[in-house]
Every structure is written in structure tokens, then in C-alpha cells.
Amino acid sequence: MATQPFPLDFPADIDRTAASIVVDQASGHPLGTGFYFLRPKYFVTAKHVVMDRTTGCVRDQLVLMQRGPDYPRVVECFVHPTLDLAVLEIDRPVCEIPLYPSHQRLAGHRGLRYWGYAPTRSNTETQEYQVLVVDVPSYSLEPLRERDDGCEQVLRFDTDFAETGHSGGPVLAVGGGVCAVIIEGHSGWARATEIQPLMSFVELRLESG
């Protein structure tokens, strides 16, 4: 399993180790994307990326495709009860400067950017895995969804590069922090849920040490 190459246009103001492909070490199969968030030990991704559909639990042999062959292991820290969001805890963090939260309404007027693992552009036989950085010039907000524990705001945008491996990847306001997390990608478009619902959990953990 090789470390993923980042494209030449990777944002210069962001630590290249802040994002990574999530891998099921039991099968060696890449599952999706995720990113370090707020503290080096926290790693955020989409819940469906790390869930085992058979057991309904988070997979127990997850690693990040970084610093091979001694890949950092990640375990469940928090799974959001209603949203497609999960926080994992890393045993040996690689990233020293994790991403931080932002809001598209404050910084997204200059456009958004996301990145994610691209299965169709990768070669599993040679273990060459490609990560794309994609600019999003505009987006729309889906109707606010009422949940038992709050509301969910979903961003939708057109993109020629979306695919399933992008799930869990961060959506950033250009020049800002993480606005949302990719939860769905199809040919021509993608959807992402706002990062804000995770903040109360992460902040509580930070306060408790």
C-alpha cells in the first residue's frame, strides 16, 4: 500500500498531511477520504466510509494511508447519531497543523474547494492512488432538514470530478477552513453536510482534555 500522491495544485497554505485516504487494513481496500480536524489526534470522515454494513459498527482495522509501512491506526471516537459524520482518534498522528472550522456563508463567496480519493484515476495493482483537489465556483443550499437532535444543512454543487471515493473529504472556503464534509459524489455533482453539528462534540472533548 503506497502513500497517495497529491496534485501540484494542492493548496499551498494547507499542510499536505491534513487529508488522507482511509483504508481497511484487513482487506487493503481504500474506503474514502478524511482529514485531521482541530487537534492532531482527531480525524473526521463520513460515517458511511468507516461503517461495516454487516455489523453496523465502525470497522476495527482502519488505518490512514500515511507514513507507510507503519500506517497510523484510527479507532472510533464519535459517530453522529443522525448525520453522515464520524470522528476517529489516531494513535500516531502525522499531521501537525490540522484543519479548522469555517462557514461557507462567511468565506465561501470566493468559492469553495474540496479534495478526495479518486478510485477511477488510481491503480490498485501498482498501488498508485490519486487524490484530486477540485475548485467549486458556486454551490446551492438544499432545504434545511429537521433532525431529532438539530438541523442539517447540505451543500450541493456541480463538479466534473465527483466519485464515491471523495466521501469524507473536506470542503473548504477558499482562504478559510472546513465548511462541510462530502457525503455523496456522483458523475456531475456532489453533496456535503455542514461541519457545524460536530462542533459541540469536539469542543466538549477538548474541554475535558
C-alpha atoms as a PDB file:
ATOM      1  CA  MET A   1       0.000   0.000   0.000  1.00  0.00           C
ATOM      2  CA  ALA A   2       1.562   3.270  -1.145  1.00  0.00           C
ATOM      3  CA  THR A   3       1.229   6.790   0.131  1.00  0.00           C
ATOM      4  CA  GLN A   4      -1.134   8.798  -2.057  1.00  0.00           C
ATOM      5  CA  PRO A   5       0.357  11.467  -4.335  1.00  0.00           C
ATOM      6  CA  PHE A   6      -1.092  14.968  -4.072  1.00  0.00           C
ATOM      7  CA  PRO A   7      -1.518  17.083  -7.204  1.00  0.00           C
ATOM      8  CA  LEU A   8       0.729  20.025  -7.920  1.00  0.00           C
ATOM      9  CA  ASP A   9      -2.095  22.492  -7.265  1.00  0.00           C
ATOM     10  CA  PHE A  10      -2.556  21.349  -3.664  1.00  0.00           C
ATOM     11  CA  PRO A  11      -3.329  24.482  -1.588  1.00  0.00           C
ATOM     12  CA  ALA A  12      -0.004  25.978  -0.543  1.00  0.00           C
ATOM     13  CA  ASP A  13      -1.396  27.296   2.730  1.00  0.00           C
ATOM     14  CA  ILE A  14      -2.593  23.864   3.914  1.00  0.00           C
ATOM     15  CA  ASP A  15      -0.472  21.087   5.385  1.00  0.00           C
ATOM     16  CA  ARG A  16      -0.344  18.285   2.806  1.00  0.00           C
ATOM     17  CA  THR A  17      -0.668  15.716   5.588  1.00  0.00           C
ATOM     18  CA  ALA A  18      -4.001  17.198   6.763  1.00  0.00           C
ATOM     19  CA  ALA A  19      -6.004  14.918   4.453  1.00  0.00           C
ATOM     20  CA  SER A  20      -5.635  11.208   3.845  1.00  0.00           C
ATOM     21  CA  ILE A  21      -7.213   8.151   2.304  1.00  0.00           C
ATOM     22  CA  VAL A  22      -8.878   5.825   4.836  1.00  0.00           C
ATOM     23  CA  VAL A  23      -8.051   2.157   4.334  1.00  0.00           C
ATOM     24  CA  ASP A  24      -9.469  -1.092   5.694  1.00  0.00           C
ATOM     25  CA  GLN A  25      -6.219  -2.847   6.561  1.00  0.00           C
ATOM     26  CA  ALA A  26      -7.969  -6.215   6.773  1.00  0.00           C
ATOM     27  CA  SER A  27      -8.593  -6.116   3.021  1.00  0.00           C
ATOM     28  CA  GLY A  28      -6.126  -3.416   1.979  1.00  0.00           C
ATOM     29  CA  HIS A  29      -9.056  -1.673   0.304  1.00  0.00           C
ATOM     30  CA  PRO A  30      -9.247   2.161   0.262  1.00  0.00           C
ATOM     31  CA  LEU A  31     -12.621   3.259   1.638  1.00  0.00           C
ATOM     32  CA  GLY A  32     -12.742   7.018   1.195  1.00  0.00           C
ATOM     33  CA  THR A  33     -11.248  10.271   2.387  1.00  0.00           C
ATOM     34  CA  GLY A  34     -10.919  12.132   5.696  1.00  0.00           C
ATOM     35  CA  PHE A  35      -8.990  14.916   7.376  1.00  0.00           C
ATOM     36  CA  TYR A  36      -7.300  15.954  10.613  1.00  0.00           C
ATOM     37  CA  PHE A  37      -9.515  18.410  12.469  1.00  0.00           C
ATOM     38  CA  LEU A  38      -8.763  20.880  15.304  1.00  0.00           C
ATOM     39  CA  ARG A  39      -6.285  18.592  17.085  1.00  0.00           C
ATOM     40  CA  PRO A  40      -3.717  16.183  15.601  1.00  0.00           C
ATOM     41  CA  LYS A  41      -5.434  13.205  17.245  1.00  0.00           C
ATOM     42  CA  TYR A  42      -8.861  13.842  15.670  1.00  0.00           C
ATOM     43  CA  PHE A  43      -9.726  12.660  12.176  1.00  0.00           C
ATOM     44  CA  VAL A  44     -13.098  13.403  10.556  1.00  0.00           C
ATOM     45  CA  THR A  45     -14.754  11.494   7.737  1.00  0.00           C
ATOM     46  CA  ALA A  46     -18.196  10.462   6.524  1.00  0.00           C
ATOM     47  CA  LYS A  47     -19.818   7.841   8.718  1.00  0.00           C
ATOM     48  CA  HIS A  48     -20.624   5.506   5.834  1.00  0.00           C
ATOM     49  CA  VAL A  49     -16.929   5.402   4.868  1.00  0.00           C
ATOM     50  CA  VAL A  50     -15.919   3.600   8.069  1.00  0.00           C
ATOM     51  CA  MET A  51     -19.054   1.622   8.952  1.00  0.00           C
ATOM     52  CA  ASP A  52     -19.198  -2.117   8.357  1.00  0.00           C
ATOM     53  CA  ARG A  53     -22.614  -2.714   6.799  1.00  0.00           C
ATOM     54  CA  THR A  54     -22.687  -6.295   8.053  1.00  0.00           C
ATOM     55  CA  THR A  55     -22.160  -5.483  11.735  1.00  0.00           C
ATOM     56  CA  GLY A  56     -23.419  -1.916  11.798  1.00  0.00           C
ATOM     57  CA  CYS A  57     -20.259  -0.915  13.680  1.00  0.00           C
ATOM     58  CA  VAL A  58     -17.142   1.033  12.765  1.00  0.00           C
ATOM     59  CA  ARG A  59     -14.540  -1.240  11.154  1.00  0.00           C
ATOM     60  CA  ASP A  60     -11.865  -2.330  13.622  1.00  0.00           C
ATOM     61  CA  GLN A  61      -8.805  -2.360  11.331  1.00  0.00           C
ATOM     62  CA  LEU A  62      -8.751   1.140   9.919  1.00  0.00           C
ATOM     63  CA  VAL A  63      -5.509   2.922   9.010  1.00  0.00           C
ATOM     64  CA  LEU A  64      -4.559   6.122   7.218  1.00  0.00           C
ATOM     65  CA  MET A  65      -2.521   5.907   4.039  1.00  0.00           C
ATOM     66  CA  GLN A  66       0.368   7.849   5.520  1.00  0.00           C
ATOM     67  CA  ARG A  67       3.910   7.109   6.654  1.00  0.00           C
ATOM     68  CA  GLY A  68       3.903   3.566   5.367  1.00  0.00           C
ATOM     69  CA  PRO A  69       4.559   0.845   6.160  1.00  0.00           C
ATOM     70  CA  ASP A  70       3.906   1.957   9.761  1.00  0.00           C
ATOM     71  CA  TYR A  71       0.460   3.316   8.976  1.00  0.00           C
ATOM     72  CA  PRO A  72      -1.364   5.285  11.700  1.00  0.00           C
ATOM     73  CA  ARG A  73      -4.257   3.331  13.152  1.00  0.00           C
ATOM     74  CA  VAL A  74      -7.602   5.014  13.774  1.00  0.00           C
ATOM     75  CA  VAL A  75     -10.432   3.933  16.041  1.00  0.00           C
ATOM     76  CA  GLU A  76     -13.942   5.175  16.679  1.00  0.00           C
ATOM     77  CA  CYS A  77     -14.191   8.273  18.828  1.00  0.00           C
ATOM     78  CA  PHE A  78     -17.659   9.580  17.978  1.00  0.00           C
ATOM     79  CA  VAL A  79     -20.286   8.611  15.411  1.00  0.00           C
ATOM     80  CA  HIS A  80     -23.023  11.165  14.888  1.00  0.00           C
ATOM     81  CA  PRO A  81     -26.408   9.549  15.623  1.00  0.00           C
ATOM     82  CA  THR A  82     -28.277  11.100  12.687  1.00  0.00           C
ATOM     83  CA  LEU A  83     -25.774  12.679  10.302  1.00  0.00           C
ATOM     84  CA  ASP A  84     -23.247  11.048   7.991  1.00  0.00           C
ATOM     85  CA  LEU A  85     -20.316  12.194  10.131  1.00  0.00           C
ATOM     86  CA  ALA A  86     -17.763  10.395  12.267  1.00  0.00           C
ATOM     87  CA  VAL A  87     -14.744  11.364  14.355  1.00  0.00           C
ATOM     88  CA  LEU A  88     -11.876   8.899  14.661  1.00  0.00           C
ATOM     89  CA  GLU A  89      -8.906   9.008  17.024  1.00  0.00           C
ATOM     90  CA  ILE A  90      -5.388   8.481  15.669  1.00  0.00           C
ATOM     91  CA  ASP A  91      -2.780   6.552  17.620  1.00  0.00           C
ATOM     92  CA  ARG A  92       0.263   8.157  15.899  1.00  0.00           C
ATOM     93  CA  PRO A  93      -0.747  11.425  14.210  1.00  0.00           C
ATOM     94  CA  VAL A  94       1.238  12.536  11.179  1.00  0.00           C
ATOM     95  CA  CYS A  95      -0.252  16.000  10.735  1.00  0.00           C
ATOM     96  CA  GLU A  96       0.986  18.817  12.962  1.00  0.00           C
ATOM     97  CA  ILE A  97      -1.350  21.512  11.615  1.00  0.00           C
ATOM     98  CA  PRO A  98      -4.904  20.130  11.412  1.00  0.00           C
ATOM     99  CA  LEU A  99      -7.731  21.870   9.587  1.00  0.00           C
ATOM    100  CA  TYR A 100     -10.074  24.234  11.405  1.00  0.00           C
ATOM    101  CA  PRO A 101     -13.808  25.031  11.098  1.00  0.00           C
ATOM    102  CA  SER A 102     -15.279  27.773   8.963  1.00  0.00           C
ATOM    103  CA  HIS A 103     -18.617  28.645   7.384  1.00  0.00           C
ATOM    104  CA  GLN A 104     -19.353  28.946   3.687  1.00  0.00           C
ATOM    105  CA  ARG A 105     -21.546  31.999   4.231  1.00  0.00           C
ATOM    106  CA  LEU A 106     -18.602  33.885   5.679  1.00  0.00           C
ATOM    107  CA  ALA A 107     -15.791  32.766   3.414  1.00  0.00           C
ATOM    108  CA  GLY A 108     -17.409  30.847   0.555  1.00  0.00           C
ATOM    109  CA  HIS A 109     -18.181  33.935  -1.503  1.00  0.00           C
ATOM    110  CA  ARG A 110     -14.749  33.490  -3.049  1.00  0.00           C
ATOM    111  CA  GLY A 111     -15.543  29.929  -3.988  1.00  0.00           C
ATOM    112  CA  LEU A 112     -15.119  26.519  -2.373  1.00  0.00           C
ATOM    113  CA  ARG A 113     -12.562  23.773  -2.807  1.00  0.00           C
ATOM    114  CA  TYR A 114     -12.653  20.098  -1.897  1.00  0.00           C
ATOM    115  CA  TRP A 115     -10.358  17.131  -2.203  1.00  0.00           C
ATOM    116  CA  GLY A 116     -10.804  13.404  -2.172  1.00  0.00           C
ATOM    117  CA  TYR A 117      -9.556   9.977  -3.195  1.00  0.00           C
ATOM    118  CA  ALA A 118     -10.268   9.221  -6.857  1.00  0.00           C
ATOM    119  CA  PRO A 119     -10.703   5.457  -7.460  1.00  0.00           C
ATOM    120  CA  THR A 120     -11.147   5.779 -11.234  1.00  0.00           C
ATOM    121  CA  ARG A 121      -7.824   7.590 -11.502  1.00  0.00           C
ATOM    122  CA  SER A 122      -5.960   5.172  -9.235  1.00  0.00           C
ATOM    123  CA  ASN A 123      -4.289   1.837  -9.941  1.00  0.00           C
ATOM    124  CA  THR A 124      -4.773  -0.768  -7.217  1.00  0.00           C
ATOM    125  CA  GLU A 125      -2.453  -3.262  -8.937  1.00  0.00           C
ATOM    126  CA  THR A 126       0.516  -0.893  -8.782  1.00  0.00           C
ATOM    127  CA  GLN A 127      -0.763   0.679  -5.553  1.00  0.00           C
ATOM    128  CA  GLU A 128      -0.797   4.148  -7.030  1.00  0.00           C
ATOM    129  CA  TYR A 129      -3.613   6.189  -5.535  1.00  0.00           C
ATOM    130  CA  GLN A 130      -4.629   9.608  -6.762  1.00  0.00           C
ATOM    131  CA  VAL A 131      -6.134  12.437  -4.721  1.00  0.00           C
ATOM    132  CA  LEU A 132      -7.851  15.289  -6.532  1.00  0.00           C
ATOM    133  CA  VAL A 133      -8.172  18.919  -5.460  1.00  0.00           C
ATOM    134  CA  VAL A 134     -11.254  20.436  -7.084  1.00  0.00           C
ATOM    135  CA  ASP A 135     -12.370  24.064  -7.186  1.00  0.00           C
ATOM    136  CA  VAL A 136     -16.093  24.741  -6.776  1.00  0.00           C
ATOM    137  CA  PRO A 137     -17.012  28.193  -8.117  1.00  0.00           C
ATOM    138  CA  SER A 138     -20.613  28.037  -6.879  1.00  0.00           C
ATOM    139  CA  TYR A 139     -22.947  25.932  -4.750  1.00  0.00           C
ATOM    140  CA  SER A 140     -26.548  25.796  -3.570  1.00  0.00           C
ATOM    141  CA  LEU A 141     -28.110  25.000  -0.202  1.00  0.00           C
ATOM    142  CA  GLU A 142     -30.692  22.244  -0.011  1.00  0.00           C
ATOM    143  CA  PRO A 143     -33.763  22.858   2.182  1.00  0.00           C
ATOM    144  CA  LEU A 144     -32.833  22.684   5.855  1.00  0.00           C
ATOM    145  CA  ARG A 145     -33.520  19.203   7.265  1.00  0.00           C
ATOM    146  CA  GLU A 146     -35.017  18.859  10.720  1.00  0.00           C
ATOM    147  CA  ARG A 147     -33.389  16.107  12.763  1.00  0.00           C
ATOM    148  CA  ASP A 148     -34.208  14.794  16.246  1.00  0.00           C
ATOM    149  CA  ASP A 149     -31.043  16.385  17.586  1.00  0.00           C
ATOM    150  CA  GLY A 150     -30.973  19.535  15.447  1.00  0.00           C
ATOM    151  CA  CYS A 151     -30.909  20.583  11.807  1.00  0.00           C
ATOM    152  CA  GLU A 152     -28.783  19.524   8.869  1.00  0.00           C
ATOM    153  CA  GLN A 153     -27.675  21.907   6.147  1.00  0.00           C
ATOM    154  CA  VAL A 154     -26.496  20.223   2.959  1.00  0.00           C
ATOM    155  CA  LEU A 155     -24.500  21.911   0.209  1.00  0.00           C
ATOM    156  CA  ARG A 156     -24.865  20.742  -3.375  1.00  0.00           C
ATOM    157  CA  PHE A 157     -22.582  21.684  -6.233  1.00  0.00           C
ATOM    158  CA  ASP A 158     -21.767  20.654  -9.771  1.00  0.00           C
ATOM    159  CA  THR A 159     -18.401  19.078 -10.489  1.00  0.00           C
ATOM    160  CA  ASP A 160     -16.976  17.027 -13.334  1.00  0.00           C
ATOM    161  CA  PHE A 161     -14.770  15.013 -10.989  1.00  0.00           C
ATOM    162  CA  ALA A 162     -17.032  13.675  -8.230  1.00  0.00           C
ATOM    163  CA  GLU A 163     -16.944   9.971  -7.398  1.00  0.00           C
ATOM    164  CA  THR A 164     -17.603   7.715  -4.434  1.00  0.00           C
ATOM    165  CA  GLY A 165     -14.043   7.837  -3.071  1.00  0.00           C
ATOM    166  CA  HIS A 166     -14.469  11.538  -2.315  1.00  0.00           C
ATOM    167  CA  SER A 167     -16.821  10.716   0.566  1.00  0.00           C
ATOM    168  CA  GLY A 168     -15.430  12.063   3.822  1.00  0.00           C
ATOM    169  CA  GLY A 169     -13.291  14.686   2.116  1.00  0.00           C
ATOM    170  CA  PRO A 170     -13.298  18.263   3.397  1.00  0.00           C
ATOM    171  CA  VAL A 171     -14.974  21.166   1.630  1.00  0.00           C
ATOM    172  CA  LEU A 172     -13.111  24.376   2.369  1.00  0.00           C
ATOM    173  CA  ALA A 173     -13.868  28.010   1.759  1.00  0.00           C
ATOM    174  CA  VAL A 174     -11.030  29.351  -0.346  1.00  0.00           C
ATOM    175  CA  GLY A 175      -8.724  31.051   2.127  1.00  0.00           C
ATOM    176  CA  GLY A 176     -10.698  29.599   5.029  1.00  0.00           C
ATOM    177  CA  GLY A 177     -11.329  26.415   6.954  1.00  0.00           C
ATOM    178  CA  VAL A 178     -13.597  23.388   6.634  1.00  0.00           C
ATOM    179  CA  CYS A 179     -17.214  24.240   5.821  1.00  0.00           C
ATOM    180  CA  ALA A 180     -18.566  20.767   5.159  1.00  0.00           C
ATOM    181  CA  VAL A 181     -17.813  17.090   4.590  1.00  0.00           C
ATOM    182  CA  ILE A 182     -18.526  15.275   1.314  1.00  0.00           C
ATOM    183  CA  ILE A 183     -21.239  12.680   1.885  1.00  0.00           C
ATOM    184  CA  GLU A 184     -22.153  11.789  -1.692  1.00  0.00           C
ATOM    185  CA  GLY A 185     -20.483  12.066  -5.057  1.00  0.00           C
ATOM    186  CA  HIS A 186     -21.815  11.126  -8.494  1.00  0.00           C
ATOM    187  CA  SER A 187     -20.950  11.962 -12.072  1.00  0.00           C
ATOM    188  CA  GLY A 188     -21.523  15.669 -12.417  1.00  0.00           C
ATOM    189  CA  TRP A 189     -22.446  16.625  -8.851  1.00  0.00           C
ATOM    190  CA  ALA A 190     -21.703  16.137  -5.157  1.00  0.00           C
ATOM    191  CA  ARG A 191     -23.310  16.817  -1.776  1.00  0.00           C
ATOM    192  CA  ALA A 192     -21.719  17.778   1.539  1.00  0.00           C
ATOM    193  CA  THR A 193     -23.092  18.246   5.043  1.00  0.00           C
ATOM    194  CA  GLU A 194     -22.043  21.219   7.168  1.00  0.00           C
ATOM    195  CA  ILE A 195     -19.309  20.687   9.770  1.00  0.00           C
ATOM    196  CA  GLN A 196     -21.117  22.681  12.470  1.00  0.00           C
ATOM    197  CA  PRO A 197     -23.067  19.754  14.021  1.00  0.00           C
ATOM    198  CA  LEU A 198     -19.730  18.183  15.025  1.00  0.00           C
ATOM    199  CA  MET A 199     -18.503  21.241  16.861  1.00  0.00           C
ATOM    200  CA  SER A 200     -20.343  20.727  20.160  1.00  0.00           C
ATOM    201  CA  PHE A 201     -18.923  17.218  20.452  1.00  0.00           C
ATOM    202  CA  VAL A 202     -15.362  18.151  19.523  1.00  0.00           C
ATOM    203  CA  GLU A 203     -15.353  21.227  21.764  1.00  0.00           C
ATOM    204  CA  LEU A 204     -16.647  19.149  24.682  1.00  0.00           C
ATOM    205  CA  ARG A 205     -13.829  16.653  24.182  1.00  0.00           C
ATOM    206  CA  LEU A 206     -11.286  19.445  24.012  1.00  0.00           C
ATOM    207  CA  GLU A 207     -12.577  20.964  27.265  1.00  0.00           C
ATOM    208  CA  SER A 208     -12.357  17.615  29.044  1.00  0.00           C
ATOM    209  CA  GLY A 209      -8.799  17.123  27.857  1.00  0.00           C
END
